[in-house]
């Protein structure tokens, strides 16, 4: 009887020990599970942060691609616009001179004249642009037509305009001397007599100098270019003449006040669209040249 009780007691202790061991294993397993869960949570958070970062980077990259795409489109549009303006400028000068000058020709002539006189390149580009866009005076008339129109439109036979007629006769005579010396025909094209305001045509070449004004600058042009017989229709001589006249007008900077003063002197009157156009081109010439 006692032996059965002792045996039952031993079995109870064995069961208790096994239960304790199982409980310890359960606790250990819970601890490991908890640690693994924490690690997984950390890994999950890290992956979520990486995913968020990648999404942000992808969004930023997409935005940058869109910006660059828009920038390319805008740049292409600007280039196309500038190319159009360059063609326009070349056409203007071609109409004026009867010659086709490239951007390189114009650039070289302007840079040389600027270096020799100190007149800013931008100012020269501005005056060149506006002098070839004045409308009627683009070098499409003979001097015979200029004289006929000036008298019929503005001067007539009135004694009031005798001085103007005398100046017209003087300029005509000088003009024919110039073209004869250069070997040109008498019908060499000059600017037409304006119909929108009282004045005379007869301006020559890219600088649009009247014959008497050109003769007044000839010796200075020779000194600067070395050309013994300056040609108003020569790009180099014409731009040099323009630079010399602007230098005389005091253009040593591209300030708006200096340009306006020089424009008034060059044109002979204060015409807002004229000097405003010069100011614009003086500040934006680098976009083309």
Protein backbone atom coordinates (compact mmCIF):
# COMPACT_ATOMS: atom_id res chain seq x y z
CA UNK A 1 0.00 0.00 0.00
CA UNK A 2 2.77 2.44 1.03
CA UNK A 3 4.81 1.52 -1.99
CA UNK A 4 1.91 2.50 -4.29
CA UNK A 5 1.56 5.84 -2.54
CA UNK A 6 5.32 6.52 -2.87
CA UNK A 7 5.18 5.56 -6.52
CA UNK A 8 2.22 7.90 -7.14
CA UNK A 9 4.07 10.69 -5.37
CA UNK A 10 7.13 10.26 -7.58
CA UNK A 11 4.95 10.32 -10.66
CA UNK A 12 3.32 13.55 -9.46
CA UNK A 13 6.72 15.19 -8.98
CA UNK A 14 7.77 14.04 -12.43
CA UNK A 15 4.61 15.51 -13.94
CA UNK A 16 5.13 18.77 -12.04
CA UNK A 17 8.74 19.00 -13.23
CA UNK A 18 7.73 18.35 -16.82
CA UNK A 19 4.95 20.95 -16.55
CA UNK A 20 7.49 23.45 -15.20
CA UNK A 21 9.91 22.66 -18.00
CA UNK A 22 7.15 23.05 -20.57
CA UNK A 23 6.13 26.39 -19.04
CA UNK A 24 9.78 27.55 -19.20
CA UNK A 25 9.93 26.51 -22.84
CA UNK A 26 6.69 28.37 -23.48
CA UNK A 27 8.06 31.52 -21.80
CA UNK A 28 11.30 31.22 -23.76
CA UNK A 29 9.35 30.72 -26.97
CA UNK A 30 7.16 33.76 -26.15
CA UNK A 31 10.29 35.80 -25.53
CA UNK A 32 11.84 34.74 -28.83
CA UNK A 33 8.56 35.34 -30.65
CA UNK A 34 8.37 38.79 -29.07
CA UNK A 35 11.95 39.57 -30.08
CA UNK A 36 11.37 38.30 -33.59
CA UNK A 37 8.15 40.26 -33.78
CA UNK A 38 10.01 43.41 -32.72
CA UNK A 39 12.69 42.74 -35.30
CA UNK A 40 10.04 42.16 -37.94
CA UNK A 41 8.28 45.38 -36.95
CA UNK A 42 11.59 47.23 -37.23
CA UNK A 43 12.28 45.62 -40.60
CA UNK A 44 8.76 46.45 -41.73
CA UNK A 45 9.18 50.08 -40.66
CA UNK A 46 12.55 50.26 -42.39
CA UNK A 47 11.04 48.83 -45.58
CA UNK A 48 8.15 51.26 -45.38
CA UNK A 49 10.59 54.15 -44.98
CA UNK A 50 12.61 52.90 -47.94
CA UNK A 51 9.43 52.53 -49.98
CA UNK A 52 8.36 56.07 -49.05
CA UNK A 53 11.82 57.39 -49.96
CA UNK A 54 11.71 55.57 -53.30
CA UNK A 55 8.26 56.96 -53.99
CA UNK A 56 9.49 60.46 -53.15
CA UNK A 57 12.53 59.97 -55.36
CA UNK A 58 10.35 58.65 -58.16
CA UNK A 59 8.01 61.61 -57.79
CA UNK A 60 10.93 64.03 -57.71
CA UNK A 61 12.48 62.35 -60.75
CA UNK A 62 9.18 62.55 -62.60
CA UNK A 63 8.82 66.22 -61.72
CA UNK A 64 12.41 66.86 -62.88
CA UNK A 65 11.71 65.01 -66.13
CA UNK A 66 8.60 67.10 -66.68
CA UNK A 67 10.53 70.29 -65.89
CA UNK A 68 13.37 69.35 -68.25
CA UNK A 69 10.87 68.42 -70.93
CA UNK A 70 9.15 71.79 -70.56
CA UNK A 71 12.54 73.49 -70.55
CA UNK A 72 13.53 71.73 -73.77
CA UNK A 73 10.27 72.78 -75.42
CA UNK A 74 10.76 76.37 -74.25
CA UNK A 75 14.38 76.37 -75.41
CA UNK A 76 13.42 75.01 -78.82
CA UNK A 77 10.76 77.71 -79.12
CA UNK A 78 13.29 80.39 -78.15
CA UNK A 79 15.86 79.08 -80.60
CA UNK A 80 13.25 79.03 -83.36
CA UNK A 81 12.24 82.60 -82.53
CA UNK A 82 15.84 83.79 -82.52
CA UNK A 83 16.56 82.04 -85.79
CA UNK A 84 13.56 83.80 -87.29
CA UNK A 85 14.85 87.15 -86.00
CA UNK A 86 18.29 86.42 -87.40
CA UNK A 87 16.83 85.68 -90.82
CA UNK A 88 14.78 88.88 -90.55
CA UNK A 89 17.87 90.89 -89.68
CA UNK A 90 19.85 89.43 -92.55
CA UNK A 91 16.99 90.10 -94.94
CA UNK A 92 16.76 93.70 -93.75
CA UNK A 93 20.43 94.33 -94.43
CA UNK A 94 20.26 92.47 -97.74
CA UNK A 95 17.41 94.72 -98.87
CA UNK A 96 19.33 97.77 -97.78
CA UNK A 97 22.62 96.95 -99.42
CA UNK A 98 21.76 94.65 -102.26
CA UNK A 99 24.18 92.16 -100.75
CA UNK A 100 23.72 89.10 -98.57
CA UNK A 101 25.69 89.32 -95.35
CA UNK A 102 25.99 86.46 -92.89
CA UNK A 103 25.78 86.82 -89.13
CA UNK A 104 29.55 86.26 -89.11
CA UNK A 105 30.09 89.20 -91.49
CA UNK A 106 27.96 91.48 -89.33
CA UNK A 107 29.59 90.31 -86.11
CA UNK A 108 33.09 90.91 -87.44
CA UNK A 109 32.24 94.39 -88.72
CA UNK A 110 30.59 95.39 -85.44
CA UNK A 111 33.37 94.01 -83.25
CA UNK A 112 36.03 95.77 -85.33
CA UNK A 113 34.22 99.13 -85.27
CA UNK A 114 33.52 98.80 -81.55
CA UNK A 115 37.16 98.02 -80.80
CA UNK A 116 38.40 100.97 -82.87
CA UNK A 117 35.94 103.56 -81.53
CA UNK A 118 34.85 102.36 -78.09
CA UNK A 119 31.16 102.42 -79.03
CA UNK A 120 29.49 99.39 -77.34
CA UNK A 121 28.75 96.48 -79.66
CA UNK A 122 25.15 96.28 -78.47
CA UNK A 123 24.54 99.90 -79.44
CA UNK A 124 25.90 99.27 -82.93
CA UNK A 125 23.68 96.21 -83.32
CA UNK A 126 20.71 98.28 -82.15
CA UNK A 127 21.31 101.08 -84.65
CA UNK A 128 21.95 98.61 -87.46
CA UNK A 129 18.67 96.86 -86.73
CA UNK A 130 16.60 100.01 -86.56
CA UNK A 131 18.25 101.72 -89.51
CA UNK A 132 17.21 98.83 -91.73
CA UNK A 133 13.64 98.79 -90.40
CA UNK A 134 12.64 102.42 -90.78
CA UNK A 135 10.09 101.55 -93.41
CA UNK A 136 10.48 103.62 -96.59
CA UNK A 137 14.22 104.22 -96.39
CA UNK A 138 15.49 100.76 -97.20
CA UNK A 139 17.57 101.49 -100.26
CA UNK A 140 15.00 100.83 -102.98
CA UNK A 141 15.04 104.12 -104.93
CA UNK A 142 17.34 105.81 -107.41
CA UNK A 143 18.51 109.34 -106.62
CA UNK A 144 16.49 110.62 -109.56
CA UNK A 145 13.34 109.24 -107.91
CA UNK A 146 14.39 110.61 -104.50
CA UNK A 147 14.73 114.13 -105.91
CA UNK A 148 11.46 113.97 -107.82
CA UNK A 149 9.48 112.76 -104.78
CA UNK A 150 11.09 115.22 -102.36
CA UNK A 151 10.14 118.18 -104.51
CA UNK A 152 6.63 116.98 -105.35
CA UNK A 153 5.80 115.82 -101.82
CA UNK A 154 7.40 118.47 -99.61
CA UNK A 155 9.37 121.30 -101.19
CA UNK A 156 7.62 122.41 -104.39
CA UNK A 157 8.70 125.82 -105.72
CA UNK A 158 8.04 127.83 -102.58
CA UNK A 159 10.90 130.06 -101.46
CA UNK A 160 10.29 128.73 -97.95
CA UNK A 161 11.94 125.44 -98.91
CA UNK A 162 14.71 126.83 -101.13
CA UNK A 163 17.42 125.81 -98.62
CA UNK A 164 16.08 122.26 -98.57
CA UNK A 165 16.06 122.12 -102.37
CA UNK A 166 19.60 123.49 -102.47
CA UNK A 167 20.70 120.80 -100.00
CA UNK A 168 19.00 118.17 -102.13
CA UNK A 169 20.89 119.39 -105.22
CA UNK A 170 24.17 119.42 -103.29
CA UNK A 171 23.66 115.90 -102.00
CA UNK A 172 22.72 114.64 -105.45
CA UNK A 173 25.94 116.03 -106.93
CA UNK A 174 28.06 114.50 -104.14
CA UNK A 175 26.24 111.18 -104.50
CA UNK A 176 27.04 110.94 -108.20
CA UNK A 177 30.69 111.73 -107.44
CA UNK A 178 30.78 108.93 -104.86
CA UNK A 179 29.30 106.26 -107.14
CA UNK A 180 31.54 107.38 -110.02
CA UNK A 181 34.67 107.07 -107.87
CA UNK A 182 33.57 103.60 -106.72
CA UNK A 183 32.72 102.44 -110.23
CA UNK A 184 28.99 102.10 -109.58
CA UNK A 185 26.13 103.04 -111.90
CA UNK A 186 24.23 106.29 -111.29
CA UNK A 187 21.11 104.33 -110.42
CA UNK A 188 22.73 102.78 -107.32
CA UNK A 189 19.86 102.33 -104.83
CA UNK A 190 19.41 104.62 -101.83
CA UNK A 191 16.64 105.22 -99.30
CA UNK A 192 13.42 106.61 -100.73
CA UNK A 193 11.98 109.99 -99.81
CA UNK A 194 9.71 109.44 -96.78
CA UNK A 195 6.00 109.95 -97.25
CA UNK A 196 5.01 110.04 -93.59
CA UNK A 197 7.12 113.06 -92.61
CA UNK A 198 8.91 115.93 -94.34
CA UNK A 199 12.39 114.89 -95.37
CA UNK A 200 14.72 113.72 -98.09
CA UNK A 201 15.73 110.25 -99.15
CA UNK A 202 19.17 109.39 -100.46
CA UNK A 203 20.66 107.64 -97.43
CA UNK A 204 23.29 105.09 -98.41
CA UNK A 205 24.33 101.66 -97.18
CA UNK A 206 23.98 100.03 -93.76
CA UNK A 207 24.79 103.26 -91.92
CA UNK A 208 22.16 105.19 -93.95
CA UNK A 209 24.39 108.23 -94.34
CA UNK A 210 23.44 111.10 -96.63
CA UNK A 211 26.07 111.82 -99.29
CA UNK A 212 27.35 115.04 -97.70
CA UNK A 213 27.52 113.41 -94.25
CA UNK A 214 29.45 110.46 -95.69
CA UNK A 215 32.02 112.80 -97.28
CA UNK A 216 32.45 114.48 -93.91
CA UNK A 217 33.49 111.16 -92.34
CA UNK A 218 35.55 109.75 -95.21
CA UNK A 219 38.97 110.76 -93.85
CA UNK A 220 38.16 109.22 -90.44
CA UNK A 221 36.92 106.02 -92.07
CA UNK A 222 40.17 105.80 -94.07
CA UNK A 223 42.19 106.23 -90.88
CA UNK A 224 40.30 103.45 -89.10
CA UNK A 225 39.92 100.92 -91.91
CA UNK A 226 42.85 101.72 -94.18
CA UNK A 227 40.49 101.70 -97.17
CA UNK A 228 41.62 104.49 -99.49
CA UNK A 229 38.21 104.87 -101.10
CA UNK A 230 35.53 104.15 -98.47
CA UNK A 231 32.37 102.54 -99.76
CA UNK A 232 28.98 103.31 -98.12
CA UNK A 233 27.73 99.92 -99.32
CA UNK A 234 30.66 98.09 -97.72
CA UNK A 235 29.65 96.48 -94.44
CA UNK A 236 32.99 97.27 -92.81
CA UNK A 237 33.08 100.89 -93.99
CA UNK A 238 29.39 101.44 -93.27
CA UNK A 239 29.50 100.11 -89.71
CA UNK A 240 32.69 102.07 -89.06
CA UNK A 241 31.00 105.26 -90.26
CA UNK A 242 28.08 104.54 -87.94
CA UNK A 243 30.43 103.95 -85.00
CA UNK A 244 32.33 107.18 -85.68
CA UNK A 245 29.10 109.19 -85.78
CA UNK A 246 27.87 107.59 -82.55
CA UNK A 247 31.21 108.22 -80.89
CA UNK A 248 30.90 111.88 -81.88
CA UNK A 249 27.43 111.85 -80.31
CA UNK A 250 29.01 110.73 -77.04
CA UNK A 251 27.95 107.07 -76.96
CA UNK A 252 30.48 105.52 -74.59
CA UNK A 253 27.99 103.29 -72.78
CA UNK A 254 24.77 101.43 -73.49
CA UNK A 255 22.75 103.41 -70.96
CA UNK A 256 19.25 104.32 -72.07
CA UNK A 257 19.93 108.05 -71.73
CA UNK A 258 23.04 107.79 -73.91
CA UNK A 259 21.17 105.79 -76.56
CA UNK A 260 18.25 108.19 -76.61
CA UNK A 261 20.56 111.17 -77.03
CA UNK A 262 22.49 109.43 -79.81
CA UNK A 263 19.28 108.31 -81.53
CA UNK A 264 18.04 111.90 -81.60
CA UNK A 265 21.35 113.01 -83.11
CA UNK A 266 21.46 110.16 -85.66
CA UNK A 267 17.86 110.39 -86.81
CA UNK A 268 17.58 114.17 -86.53
CA UNK A 269 14.47 113.98 -84.38
CA UNK A 270 13.19 112.42 -81.15
CA UNK A 271 11.23 109.32 -82.23
CA UNK A 272 10.30 106.97 -79.35
CA UNK A 273 9.87 103.69 -81.31
CA UNK A 274 13.27 104.29 -82.91
CA UNK A 275 15.32 104.69 -79.74
CA UNK A 276 13.24 102.13 -77.83
CA UNK A 277 14.02 99.59 -80.56
CA UNK A 278 17.70 100.44 -80.31
CA UNK A 279 17.60 100.02 -76.53
CA UNK A 280 15.93 96.61 -76.89
CA UNK A 281 18.45 95.31 -79.42
CA UNK A 282 21.41 96.75 -77.53
CA UNK A 283 20.43 94.60 -74.55
CA UNK A 284 19.41 91.48 -76.47
CA UNK A 285 21.82 91.24 -79.39
CA UNK A 286 23.73 88.38 -77.76
CA UNK A 287 20.69 86.12 -78.17
CA UNK A 288 21.33 86.20 -81.89
CA UNK A 289 24.99 86.99 -82.31
